[in-house]
mmCIF file of all heavy atoms, coordinates in Angstrom:
data_MODEL
# 
_entry.id   MODEL 
# 
loop_
_atom_site.group_PDB 
_atom_site.id 
_atom_site.type_symbol 
_atom_site.label_atom_id 
_atom_site.label_alt_id 
_atom_site.label_comp_id 
_atom_site.label_asym_id 
_atom_site.label_entity_id 
_atom_site.label_seq_id 
_atom_site.pdbx_PDB_ins_code 
_atom_site.Cartn_x 
_atom_site.Cartn_y 
_atom_site.Cartn_z 
_atom_site.occupancy 
_atom_site.B_iso_or_equiv 
_atom_site.pdbx_formal_charge 
_atom_site.auth_seq_id 
_atom_site.auth_comp_id 
_atom_site.auth_asym_id 
_atom_site.auth_atom_id 
_atom_site.pdbx_PDB_model_num 
ATOM 1   N N   . GLU A 1 1  ? 123.248 47.637 102.884 1.00 0.00 ? 1  GLU A N   1 
ATOM 2   C CA  . GLU A 1 1  ? 124.569 47.497 102.283 1.00 0.00 ? 1  GLU A CA  1 
ATOM 3   C C   . GLU A 1 1  ? 125.685 47.447 103.316 1.00 0.00 ? 1  GLU A C   1 
ATOM 4   O O   . GLU A 1 1  ? 126.821 47.178 102.968 1.00 0.00 ? 1  GLU A O   1 
ATOM 5   C CB  . GLU A 1 1  ? 124.849 48.674 101.342 1.00 0.00 ? 1  GLU A CB  1 
ATOM 6   C CG  . GLU A 1 1  ? 123.944 48.744 100.151 1.00 0.00 ? 1  GLU A CG  1 
ATOM 7   C CD  . GLU A 1 1  ? 124.269 49.945 99.283  1.00 0.00 ? 1  GLU A CD  1 
ATOM 8   O OE1 . GLU A 1 1  ? 125.171 50.718 99.635  1.00 0.00 ? 1  GLU A OE1 1 
ATOM 9   O OE2 . GLU A 1 1  ? 123.616 50.103 98.256  1.00 0.00 ? 1  GLU A OE2 1 
ATOM 10  N N   . HIS A 1 2  ? 125.371 47.750 104.548 1.00 0.00 ? 2  HIS A N   1 
ATOM 11  C CA  . HIS A 1 2  ? 126.420 47.872 105.547 1.00 0.00 ? 2  HIS A CA  1 
ATOM 12  C C   . HIS A 1 2  ? 126.133 47.000 106.761 1.00 0.00 ? 2  HIS A C   1 
ATOM 13  O O   . HIS A 1 2  ? 124.985 46.734 107.075 1.00 0.00 ? 2  HIS A O   1 
ATOM 14  C CB  . HIS A 1 2  ? 126.538 49.311 106.046 1.00 0.00 ? 2  HIS A CB  1 
ATOM 15  C CG  . HIS A 1 2  ? 126.886 50.289 104.990 1.00 0.00 ? 2  HIS A CG  1 
ATOM 16  N ND1 . HIS A 1 2  ? 125.951 50.863 104.188 1.00 0.00 ? 2  HIS A ND1 1 
ATOM 17  C CD2 . HIS A 1 2  ? 128.073 50.796 104.603 1.00 0.00 ? 2  HIS A CD2 1 
ATOM 18  C CE1 . HIS A 1 2  ? 126.543 51.694 103.343 1.00 0.00 ? 2  HIS A CE1 1 
ATOM 19  N NE2 . HIS A 1 2  ? 127.831 51.672 103.575 1.00 0.00 ? 2  HIS A NE2 1 
ATOM 20  N N   . ALA A 1 3  ? 127.180 46.599 107.414 1.00 0.00 ? 3  ALA A N   1 
ATOM 21  C CA  . ALA A 1 3  ? 127.085 46.009 108.741 1.00 0.00 ? 3  ALA A CA  1 
ATOM 22  C C   . ALA A 1 3  ? 127.905 46.911 109.653 1.00 0.00 ? 3  ALA A C   1 
ATOM 23  O O   . ALA A 1 3  ? 128.950 47.423 109.260 1.00 0.00 ? 3  ALA A O   1 
ATOM 24  C CB  . ALA A 1 3  ? 127.638 44.594 108.746 1.00 0.00 ? 3  ALA A CB  1 
ATOM 25  N N   . LEU A 1 4  ? 127.434 47.123 110.846 1.00 0.00 ? 4  LEU A N   1 
ATOM 26  C CA  . LEU A 1 4  ? 128.175 47.879 111.845 1.00 0.00 ? 4  LEU A CA  1 
ATOM 27  C C   . LEU A 1 4  ? 128.668 46.887 112.877 1.00 0.00 ? 4  LEU A C   1 
ATOM 28  O O   . LEU A 1 4  ? 127.868 46.217 113.523 1.00 0.00 ? 4  LEU A O   1 
ATOM 29  C CB  . LEU A 1 4  ? 127.294 48.943 112.499 1.00 0.00 ? 4  LEU A CB  1 
ATOM 30  C CG  . LEU A 1 4  ? 127.933 49.700 113.662 1.00 0.00 ? 4  LEU A CG  1 
ATOM 31  C CD1 . LEU A 1 4  ? 129.144 50.485 113.186 1.00 0.00 ? 4  LEU A CD1 1 
ATOM 32  C CD2 . LEU A 1 4  ? 126.923 50.623 114.312 1.00 0.00 ? 4  LEU A CD2 1 
ATOM 33  N N   . ILE A 1 5  ? 129.976 46.783 112.995 1.00 0.00 ? 5  ILE A N   1 
ATOM 34  C CA  . ILE A 1 5  ? 130.591 45.851 113.933 1.00 0.00 ? 5  ILE A CA  1 
ATOM 35  C C   . ILE A 1 5  ? 131.131 46.647 115.105 1.00 0.00 ? 5  ILE A C   1 
ATOM 36  O O   . ILE A 1 5  ? 131.808 47.662 114.917 1.00 0.00 ? 5  ILE A O   1 
ATOM 37  C CB  . ILE A 1 5  ? 131.742 45.080 113.256 1.00 0.00 ? 5  ILE A CB  1 
ATOM 38  C CG1 . ILE A 1 5  ? 131.218 44.306 112.053 1.00 0.00 ? 5  ILE A CG1 1 
ATOM 39  C CG2 . ILE A 1 5  ? 132.445 44.169 114.237 1.00 0.00 ? 5  ILE A CG2 1 
ATOM 40  C CD1 . ILE A 1 5  ? 132.296 43.751 111.180 1.00 0.00 ? 5  ILE A CD1 1 
ATOM 41  N N   . THR A 1 6  ? 130.834 46.204 116.302 1.00 0.00 ? 6  THR A N   1 
ATOM 42  C CA  . THR A 1 6  ? 131.376 46.815 117.498 1.00 0.00 ? 6  THR A CA  1 
ATOM 43  C C   . THR A 1 6  ? 132.323 45.813 118.143 1.00 0.00 ? 6  THR A C   1 
ATOM 44  O O   . THR A 1 6  ? 131.920 44.700 118.480 1.00 0.00 ? 6  THR A O   1 
ATOM 45  C CB  . THR A 1 6  ? 130.260 47.198 118.494 1.00 0.00 ? 6  THR A CB  1 
ATOM 46  O OG1 . THR A 1 6  ? 129.350 48.067 117.834 1.00 0.00 ? 6  THR A OG1 1 
ATOM 47  C CG2 . THR A 1 6  ? 130.844 47.903 119.706 1.00 0.00 ? 6  THR A CG2 1 
ATOM 48  N N   . LEU A 1 7  ? 133.579 46.212 118.281 1.00 0.00 ? 7  LEU A N   1 
ATOM 49  C CA  . LEU A 1 7  ? 134.606 45.338 118.850 1.00 0.00 ? 7  LEU A CA  1 
ATOM 50  C C   . LEU A 1 7  ? 135.049 45.876 120.197 1.00 0.00 ? 7  LEU A C   1 
ATOM 51  O O   . LEU A 1 7  ? 135.180 47.089 120.376 1.00 0.00 ? 7  LEU A O   1 
ATOM 52  C CB  . LEU A 1 7  ? 135.808 45.265 117.910 1.00 0.00 ? 7  LEU A CB  1 
ATOM 53  C CG  . LEU A 1 7  ? 135.505 44.765 116.505 1.00 0.00 ? 7  LEU A CG  1 
ATOM 54  C CD1 . LEU A 1 7  ? 136.596 45.173 115.556 1.00 0.00 ? 7  LEU A CD1 1 
ATOM 55  C CD2 . LEU A 1 7  ? 135.327 43.276 116.515 1.00 0.00 ? 7  LEU A CD2 1 
ATOM 56  N N   . LYS A 1 8  ? 135.305 44.967 121.123 1.00 0.00 ? 8  LYS A N   1 
ATOM 57  C CA  . LYS A 1 8  ? 135.773 45.361 122.446 1.00 0.00 ? 8  LYS A CA  1 
ATOM 58  C C   . LYS A 1 8  ? 136.600 44.212 123.007 1.00 0.00 ? 8  LYS A C   1 
ATOM 59  O O   . LYS A 1 8  ? 136.264 43.042 122.808 1.00 0.00 ? 8  LYS A O   1 
ATOM 60  C CB  . LYS A 1 8  ? 134.582 45.655 123.349 1.00 0.00 ? 8  LYS A CB  1 
ATOM 61  C CG  . LYS A 1 8  ? 134.939 46.313 124.656 1.00 0.00 ? 8  LYS A CG  1 
ATOM 62  C CD  . LYS A 1 8  ? 133.691 46.826 125.333 1.00 0.00 ? 8  LYS A CD  1 
ATOM 63  C CE  . LYS A 1 8  ? 133.508 46.117 126.635 1.00 0.00 ? 8  LYS A CE  1 
ATOM 64  N NZ  . LYS A 1 8  ? 132.387 46.638 127.414 1.00 0.00 ? 8  LYS A NZ  1 
ATOM 65  N N   . ALA A 1 9  ? 137.675 44.527 123.697 1.00 0.00 ? 9  ALA A N   1 
ATOM 66  C CA  . ALA A 1 9  ? 138.547 43.509 124.279 1.00 0.00 ? 9  ALA A CA  1 
ATOM 67  C C   . ALA A 1 9  ? 138.770 43.822 125.754 1.00 0.00 ? 9  ALA A C   1 
ATOM 68  O O   . ALA A 1 9  ? 138.653 44.967 126.181 1.00 0.00 ? 9  ALA A O   1 
ATOM 69  C CB  . ALA A 1 9  ? 139.886 43.478 123.549 1.00 0.00 ? 9  ALA A CB  1 
ATOM 70  N N   . ASP A 1 10 ? 139.100 42.797 126.521 1.00 0.00 ? 10 ASP A N   1 
ATOM 71  C CA  . ASP A 1 10 ? 139.360 43.023 127.940 1.00 0.00 ? 10 ASP A CA  1 
ATOM 72  C C   . ASP A 1 10 ? 140.828 43.347 128.224 1.00 0.00 ? 10 ASP A C   1 
ATOM 73  O O   . ASP A 1 10 ? 141.182 43.708 129.340 1.00 0.00 ? 10 ASP A O   1 
ATOM 74  C CB  . ASP A 1 10 ? 138.898 41.835 128.785 1.00 0.00 ? 10 ASP A CB  1 
ATOM 75  C CG  . ASP A 1 10 ? 139.514 40.523 128.361 1.00 0.00 ? 10 ASP A CG  1 
ATOM 76  O OD1 . ASP A 1 10 ? 140.244 40.495 127.355 1.00 0.00 ? 10 ASP A OD1 1 
ATOM 77  O OD2 . ASP A 1 10 ? 139.255 39.514 129.046 1.00 0.00 ? 10 ASP A OD2 1 
ATOM 78  N N   . LYS A 1 11 ? 141.688 43.220 127.189 1.00 0.00 ? 11 LYS A N   1 
ATOM 79  C CA  . LYS A 1 11 ? 143.082 43.638 127.329 1.00 0.00 ? 11 LYS A CA  1 
ATOM 80  C C   . LYS A 1 11 ? 143.539 44.268 126.018 1.00 0.00 ? 11 LYS A C   1 
ATOM 81  O O   . LYS A 1 11 ? 142.864 44.168 124.995 1.00 0.00 ? 11 LYS A O   1 
ATOM 82  C CB  . LYS A 1 11 ? 143.979 42.475 127.731 1.00 0.00 ? 11 LYS A CB  1 
ATOM 83  C CG  . LYS A 1 11 ? 143.978 41.321 126.775 1.00 0.00 ? 11 LYS A CG  1 
ATOM 84  C CD  . LYS A 1 11 ? 144.837 40.189 127.312 1.00 0.00 ? 11 LYS A CD  1 
ATOM 85  C CE  . LYS A 1 11 ? 144.750 38.992 126.390 1.00 0.00 ? 11 LYS A CE  1 
ATOM 86  N NZ  . LYS A 1 11 ? 145.571 37.901 126.861 1.00 0.00 ? 11 LYS A NZ  1 
ATOM 87  N N   . PHE A 1 12 ? 144.683 44.916 126.032 1.00 0.00 ? 12 PHE A N   1 
ATOM 88  C CA  . PHE A 1 12 ? 145.207 45.618 124.862 1.00 0.00 ? 12 PHE A CA  1 
ATOM 89  C C   . PHE A 1 12 ? 145.433 44.644 123.699 1.00 0.00 ? 12 PHE A C   1 
ATOM 90  O O   . PHE A 1 12 ? 145.996 43.567 123.880 1.00 0.00 ? 12 PHE A O   1 
ATOM 91  C CB  . PHE A 1 12 ? 146.532 46.297 125.230 1.00 0.00 ? 12 PHE A CB  1 
ATOM 92  C CG  . PHE A 1 12 ? 147.149 47.053 124.094 1.00 0.00 ? 12 PHE A CG  1 
ATOM 93  C CD1 . PHE A 1 12 ? 146.610 48.256 123.660 1.00 0.00 ? 12 PHE A CD1 1 
ATOM 94  C CD2 . PHE A 1 12 ? 148.271 46.560 123.454 1.00 0.00 ? 12 PHE A CD2 1 
ATOM 95  C CE1 . PHE A 1 12 ? 147.184 48.965 122.615 1.00 0.00 ? 12 PHE A CE1 1 
ATOM 96  C CE2 . PHE A 1 12 ? 148.857 47.254 122.405 1.00 0.00 ? 12 PHE A CE2 1 
ATOM 97  C CZ  . PHE A 1 12 ? 148.313 48.458 121.984 1.00 0.00 ? 12 PHE A CZ  1 
ATOM 98  N N   . VAL A 1 13 ? 144.968 45.041 122.516 1.00 0.00 ? 13 VAL A N   1 
ATOM 99  C CA  . VAL A 1 13 ? 145.176 44.255 121.290 1.00 0.00 ? 13 VAL A CA  1 
ATOM 100 C C   . VAL A 1 13 ? 145.894 45.154 120.301 1.00 0.00 ? 13 VAL A C   1 
ATOM 101 O O   . VAL A 1 13 ? 145.396 46.209 119.920 1.00 0.00 ? 13 VAL A O   1 
ATOM 102 C CB  . VAL A 1 13 ? 143.837 43.773 120.701 1.00 0.00 ? 13 VAL A CB  1 
ATOM 103 C CG1 . VAL A 1 13 ? 144.078 42.988 119.409 1.00 0.00 ? 13 VAL A CG1 1 
ATOM 104 C CG2 . VAL A 1 13 ? 143.064 42.942 121.703 1.00 0.00 ? 13 VAL A CG2 1 
ATOM 105 N N   . ARG A 1 14 ? 147.080 44.725 119.875 1.00 0.00 ? 14 ARG A N   1 
ATOM 106 C CA  . ARG A 1 14 ? 147.904 45.535 118.979 1.00 0.00 ? 14 ARG A CA  1 
ATOM 107 C C   . ARG A 1 14 ? 147.677 45.146 117.526 1.00 0.00 ? 14 ARG A C   1 
ATOM 108 O O   . ARG A 1 14 ? 147.670 43.975 117.177 1.00 0.00 ? 14 ARG A O   1 
ATOM 109 C CB  . ARG A 1 14 ? 149.375 45.361 119.331 1.00 0.00 ? 14 ARG A CB  1 
ATOM 110 C CG  . ARG A 1 14 ? 150.301 46.137 118.435 1.00 0.00 ? 14 ARG A CG  1 
ATOM 111 C CD  . ARG A 1 14 ? 151.706 46.206 119.016 1.00 0.00 ? 14 ARG A CD  1 
ATOM 112 N NE  . ARG A 1 14 ? 152.654 46.780 118.123 1.00 0.00 ? 14 ARG A NE  1 
ATOM 113 C CZ  . ARG A 1 14 ? 152.723 48.070 117.824 1.00 0.00 ? 14 ARG A CZ  1 
ATOM 114 N NH1 . ARG A 1 14 ? 151.867 48.906 118.366 1.00 0.00 ? 14 ARG A NH1 1 
ATOM 115 N NH2 . ARG A 1 14 ? 153.635 48.518 116.999 1.00 0.00 ? 14 ARG A NH2 1 
ATOM 116 N N   . ALA A 1 15 ? 147.498 46.143 116.673 1.00 0.00 ? 15 ALA A N   1 
ATOM 117 C CA  . ALA A 1 15 ? 147.393 45.976 115.218 1.00 0.00 ? 15 ALA A CA  1 
ATOM 118 C C   . ALA A 1 15 ? 146.383 44.895 114.829 1.00 0.00 ? 15 ALA A C   1 
ATOM 119 O O   . ALA A 1 15 ? 146.702 43.943 114.141 1.00 0.00 ? 15 ALA A O   1 
ATOM 120 C CB  . ALA A 1 15 ? 148.760 45.673 114.613 1.00 0.00 ? 15 ALA A CB  1 
ATOM 121 N N   . LEU A 1 16 ? 145.160 45.083 115.251 1.00 0.00 ? 16 LEU A N   1 
ATOM 122 C CA  . LEU A 1 16 ? 144.085 44.150 114.928 1.00 0.00 ? 16 LEU A CA  1 
ATOM 123 C C   . LEU A 1 16 ? 143.749 44.266 113.447 1.00 0.00 ? 16 LEU A C   1 
ATOM 124 O O   . LEU A 1 16 ? 143.504 45.357 112.933 1.00 0.00 ? 16 LEU A O   1 
ATOM 125 C CB  . LEU A 1 16 ? 142.851 44.458 115.774 1.00 0.00 ? 16 LEU A CB  1 
ATOM 126 C CG  . LEU A 1 16 ? 141.670 43.523 115.592 1.00 0.00 ? 16 LEU A CG  1 
ATOM 127 C CD1 . LEU A 1 16 ? 142.010 42.131 116.106 1.00 0.00 ? 16 LEU A CD1 1 
ATOM 128 C CD2 . LEU A 1 16 ? 140.457 44.064 116.303 1.00 0.00 ? 16 LEU A CD2 1 
ATOM 129 N N   . ALA A 1 17 ? 143.765 43.141 112.761 1.00 0.00 ? 17 ALA A N   1 
ATOM 130 C CA  . ALA A 1 17 ? 143.447 43.092 111.330 1.00 0.00 ? 17 ALA A CA  1 
ATOM 131 C C   . ALA A 1 17 ? 142.178 42.273 111.156 1.00 0.00 ? 17 ALA A C   1 
ATOM 132 O O   . ALA A 1 17 ? 142.069 41.159 111.654 1.00 0.00 ? 17 ALA A O   1 
ATOM 133 C CB  . ALA A 1 17 ? 144.586 42.453 110.554 1.00 0.00 ? 17 ALA A CB  1 
ATOM 134 N N   . LEU A 1 18 ? 141.205 42.827 110.448 1.00 0.00 ? 18 LEU A N   1 
ATOM 135 C CA  . LEU A 1 18 ? 139.938 42.160 110.196 1.00 0.00 ? 18 LEU A CA  1 
ATOM 136 C C   . LEU A 1 18 ? 139.872 41.681 108.757 1.00 0.00 ? 18 LEU A C   1 
ATOM 137 O O   . LEU A 1 18 ? 140.420 42.315 107.853 1.00 0.00 ? 18 LEU A O   1 
ATOM 138 C CB  . LEU A 1 18 ? 138.779 43.131 110.436 1.00 0.00 ? 18 LEU A CB  1 
ATOM 139 C CG  . LEU A 1 18 ? 138.693 43.788 111.804 1.00 0.00 ? 18 LEU A CG  1 
ATOM 140 C CD1 . LEU A 1 18 ? 137.583 44.833 111.808 1.00 0.00 ? 18 LEU A CD1 1 
ATOM 141 C CD2 . LEU A 1 18 ? 138.476 42.760 112.882 1.00 0.00 ? 18 LEU A CD2 1 
ATOM 142 N N   . SER A 1 19 ? 139.167 40.582 108.537 1.00 0.00 ? 19 SER A N   1 
ATOM 143 C CA  . SER A 1 19 ? 138.880 40.120 107.180 1.00 0.00 ? 19 SER A CA  1 
ATOM 144 C C   . SER A 1 19 ? 137.597 39.302 107.212 1.00 0.00 ? 19 SER A C   1 
ATOM 145 O O   . SER A 1 19 ? 137.141 38.885 108.278 1.00 0.00 ? 19 SER A O   1 
ATOM 146 C CB  . SER A 1 19 ? 140.042 39.293 106.609 1.00 0.00 ? 19 SER A CB  1 
ATOM 147 O OG  . SER A 1 19 ? 140.267 38.145 107.386 1.00 0.00 ? 19 SER A OG  1 
ATOM 148 N N   . ILE A 1 20 ? 137.024 39.084 106.047 1.00 0.00 ? 20 ILE A N   1 
ATOM 149 C CA  . ILE A 1 20 ? 135.797 38.308 105.924 1.00 0.00 ? 20 ILE A CA  1 
ATOM 150 C C   . ILE A 1 20 ? 136.106 37.105 105.048 1.00 0.00 ? 20 ILE A C   1 
ATOM 151 O O   . ILE A 1 20 ? 136.389 37.260 103.850 1.00 0.00 ? 20 ILE A O   1 
ATOM 152 C CB  . ILE A 1 20 ? 134.659 39.147 105.327 1.00 0.00 ? 20 ILE A CB  1 
ATOM 153 C CG1 . ILE A 1 20 ? 134.406 40.370 106.201 1.00 0.00 ? 20 ILE A CG1 1 
ATOM 154 C CG2 . ILE A 1 20 ? 133.393 38.312 105.187 1.00 0.00 ? 20 ILE A CG2 1 
ATOM 155 C CD1 . ILE A 1 20 ? 133.456 41.374 105.596 1.00 0.00 ? 20 ILE A CD1 1 
ATOM 156 N N   . ASP A 1 21 ? 136.093 35.925 105.628 1.00 0.00 ? 21 ASP A N   1 
ATOM 157 C CA  . ASP A 1 21 ? 136.388 34.693 104.892 1.00 0.00 ? 21 ASP A CA  1 
ATOM 158 C C   . ASP A 1 21 ? 135.375 34.465 103.777 1.00 0.00 ? 21 ASP A C   1 
ATOM 159 O O   . ASP A 1 21 ? 134.192 34.756 103.933 1.00 0.00 ? 21 ASP A O   1 
ATOM 160 C CB  . ASP A 1 21 ? 136.366 33.488 105.824 1.00 0.00 ? 21 ASP A CB  1 
ATOM 161 C CG  . ASP A 1 21 ? 137.614 33.372 106.668 1.00 0.00 ? 21 ASP A CG  1 
ATOM 162 O OD1 . ASP A 1 21 ? 138.603 34.069 106.371 1.00 0.00 ? 21 ASP A OD1 1 
ATOM 163 O OD2 . ASP A 1 21 ? 137.614 32.576 107.623 1.00 0.00 ? 21 ASP A OD2 1 
ATOM 164 N N   . GLY A 1 22 ? 135.852 33.956 102.657 1.00 0.00 ? 22 GLY A N   1 
ATOM 165 C CA  . GLY A 1 22 ? 134.973 33.581 101.563 1.00 0.00 ? 22 GLY A CA  1 
ATOM 166 C C   . GLY A 1 22 ? 134.586 34.706 100.629 1.00 0.00 ? 22 GLY A C   1 
ATOM 167 O O   . GLY A 1 22 ? 133.793 34.490 99.721  1.00 0.00 ? 22 GLY A O   1 
ATOM 168 N N   . THR A 1 23 ? 135.127 35.889 100.837 1.00 0.00 ? 23 THR A N   1 
ATOM 169 C CA  . THR A 1 23 ? 134.823 36.995 99.931  1.00 0.00 ? 23 THR A CA  1 
ATOM 170 C C   . THR A 1 23 ? 135.980 37.984 99.901  1.00 0.00 ? 23 THR A C   1 
ATOM 171 O O   . THR A 1 23 ? 136.678 38.160 100.889 1.00 0.00 ? 23 THR A O   1 
ATOM 172 C CB  . THR A 1 23 ? 133.526 37.736 100.330 1.00 0.00 ? 23 THR A CB  1 
ATOM 173 O OG1 . THR A 1 23 ? 133.239 38.704 99.314  1.00 0.00 ? 23 THR A OG1 1 
ATOM 174 C CG2 . THR A 1 23 ? 133.642 38.416 101.662 1.00 0.00 ? 23 THR A CG2 1 
ATOM 175 N N   . GLU A 1 24 ? 136.172 38.576 98.750  1.00 0.00 ? 24 GLU A N   1 
ATOM 176 C CA  . GLU A 1 24 ? 137.147 39.661 98.624  1.00 0.00 ? 24 GLU A CA  1 
ATOM 177 C C   . GLU A 1 24 ? 136.423 40.958 98.291  1.00 0.00 ? 24 GLU A C   1 
ATOM 178 O O   . GLU A 1 24 ? 137.045 41.993 98.113  1.00 0.00 ? 24 GLU A O   1 
ATOM 179 C CB  . GLU A 1 24 ? 138.179 39.324 97.548  1.00 0.00 ? 24 GLU A CB  1 
ATOM 180 C CG  . GLU A 1 24 ? 139.061 38.154 97.956  1.00 0.00 ? 24 GLU A CG  1 
ATOM 181 C CD  . GLU A 1 24 ? 140.174 37.898 96.960  1.00 0.00 ? 24 GLU A CD  1 
ATOM 182 O OE1 . GLU A 1 24 ? 140.464 38.768 96.127  1.00 0.00 ? 24 GLU A OE1 1 
ATOM 183 O OE2 . GLU A 1 24 ? 140.743 36.810 97.034  1.00 0.00 ? 24 GLU A OE2 1 
ATOM 184 N N   . ASP A 1 25 ? 135.097 40.887 98.221  1.00 0.00 ? 25 ASP A N   1 
ATOM 185 C CA  . ASP A 1 25 ? 134.277 42.027 97.857  1.00 0.00 ? 25 ASP A CA  1 
ATOM 186 C C   . ASP A 1 25 ? 133.743 42.705 99.118  1.00 0.00 ? 25 ASP A C   1 
ATOM 187 O O   . ASP A 1 25 ? 132.577 42.552 99.466  1.00 0.00 ? 25 ASP A O   1 
ATOM 188 C CB  . ASP A 1 25 ? 133.120 41.567 96.968  1.00 0.00 ? 25 ASP A CB  1 
ATOM 189 C CG  . ASP A 1 25 ? 132.231 42.712 96.538  1.00 0.00 ? 25 ASP A CG  1 
ATOM 190 O OD1 . ASP A 1 25 ? 132.728 43.857 96.478  1.00 0.00 ? 25 ASP A OD1 1 
ATOM 191 O OD2 . ASP A 1 25 ? 131.046 42.475 96.271  1.00 0.00 ? 25 ASP A OD2 1 
ATOM 192 N N   . TYR A 1 26 ? 134.616 43.431 99.816  1.00 0.00 ? 26 TYR A N   1 
ATOM 193 C CA  . TYR A 1 26 ? 134.181 44.161 101.001 1.00 0.00 ? 26 TYR A CA  1 
ATOM 194 C C   . TYR A 1 26 ? 135.099 45.349 101.249 1.00 0.00 ? 26 TYR A C   1 
ATOM 195 O O   . TYR A 1 26 ? 136.209 45.411 100.741 1.00 0.00 ? 26 TYR A O   1 
ATOM 196 C CB  . TYR A 1 26 ? 134.134 43.260 102.235 1.00 0.00 ? 26 TYR A CB  1 
ATOM 197 C CG  . TYR A 1 26 ? 135.471 42.699 102.679 1.00 0.00 ? 26 TYR A CG  1 
ATOM 198 C CD1 . TYR A 1 26 ? 136.264 43.391 103.590 1.00 0.00 ? 26 TYR A CD1 1 
ATOM 199 C CD2 . TYR A 1 26 ? 135.936 41.493 102.195 1.00 0.00 ? 26 TYR A CD2 1 
ATOM 200 C CE1 . TYR A 1 26 ? 137.487 42.889 103.992 1.00 0.00 ? 26 TYR A CE1 1 
ATOM 201 C CE2 . TYR A 1 26 ? 137.149 40.982 102.597 1.00 0.00 ? 26 TYR A CE2 1 
ATOM 202 C CZ  . TYR A 1 26 ? 137.915 41.680 103.500 1.00 0.00 ? 26 TYR A CZ  1 
ATOM 203 O OH  . TYR A 1 26 ? 139.126 41.183 103.897 1.00 0.00 ? 26 TYR A OH  1 
# 
């Protein structure tokens, strides 16, 4: 039922917003 996402950037990222295209059920 779950996915574990690991995010990492090489520079500062302000107010990162995630979404999944094609679905609102998440």
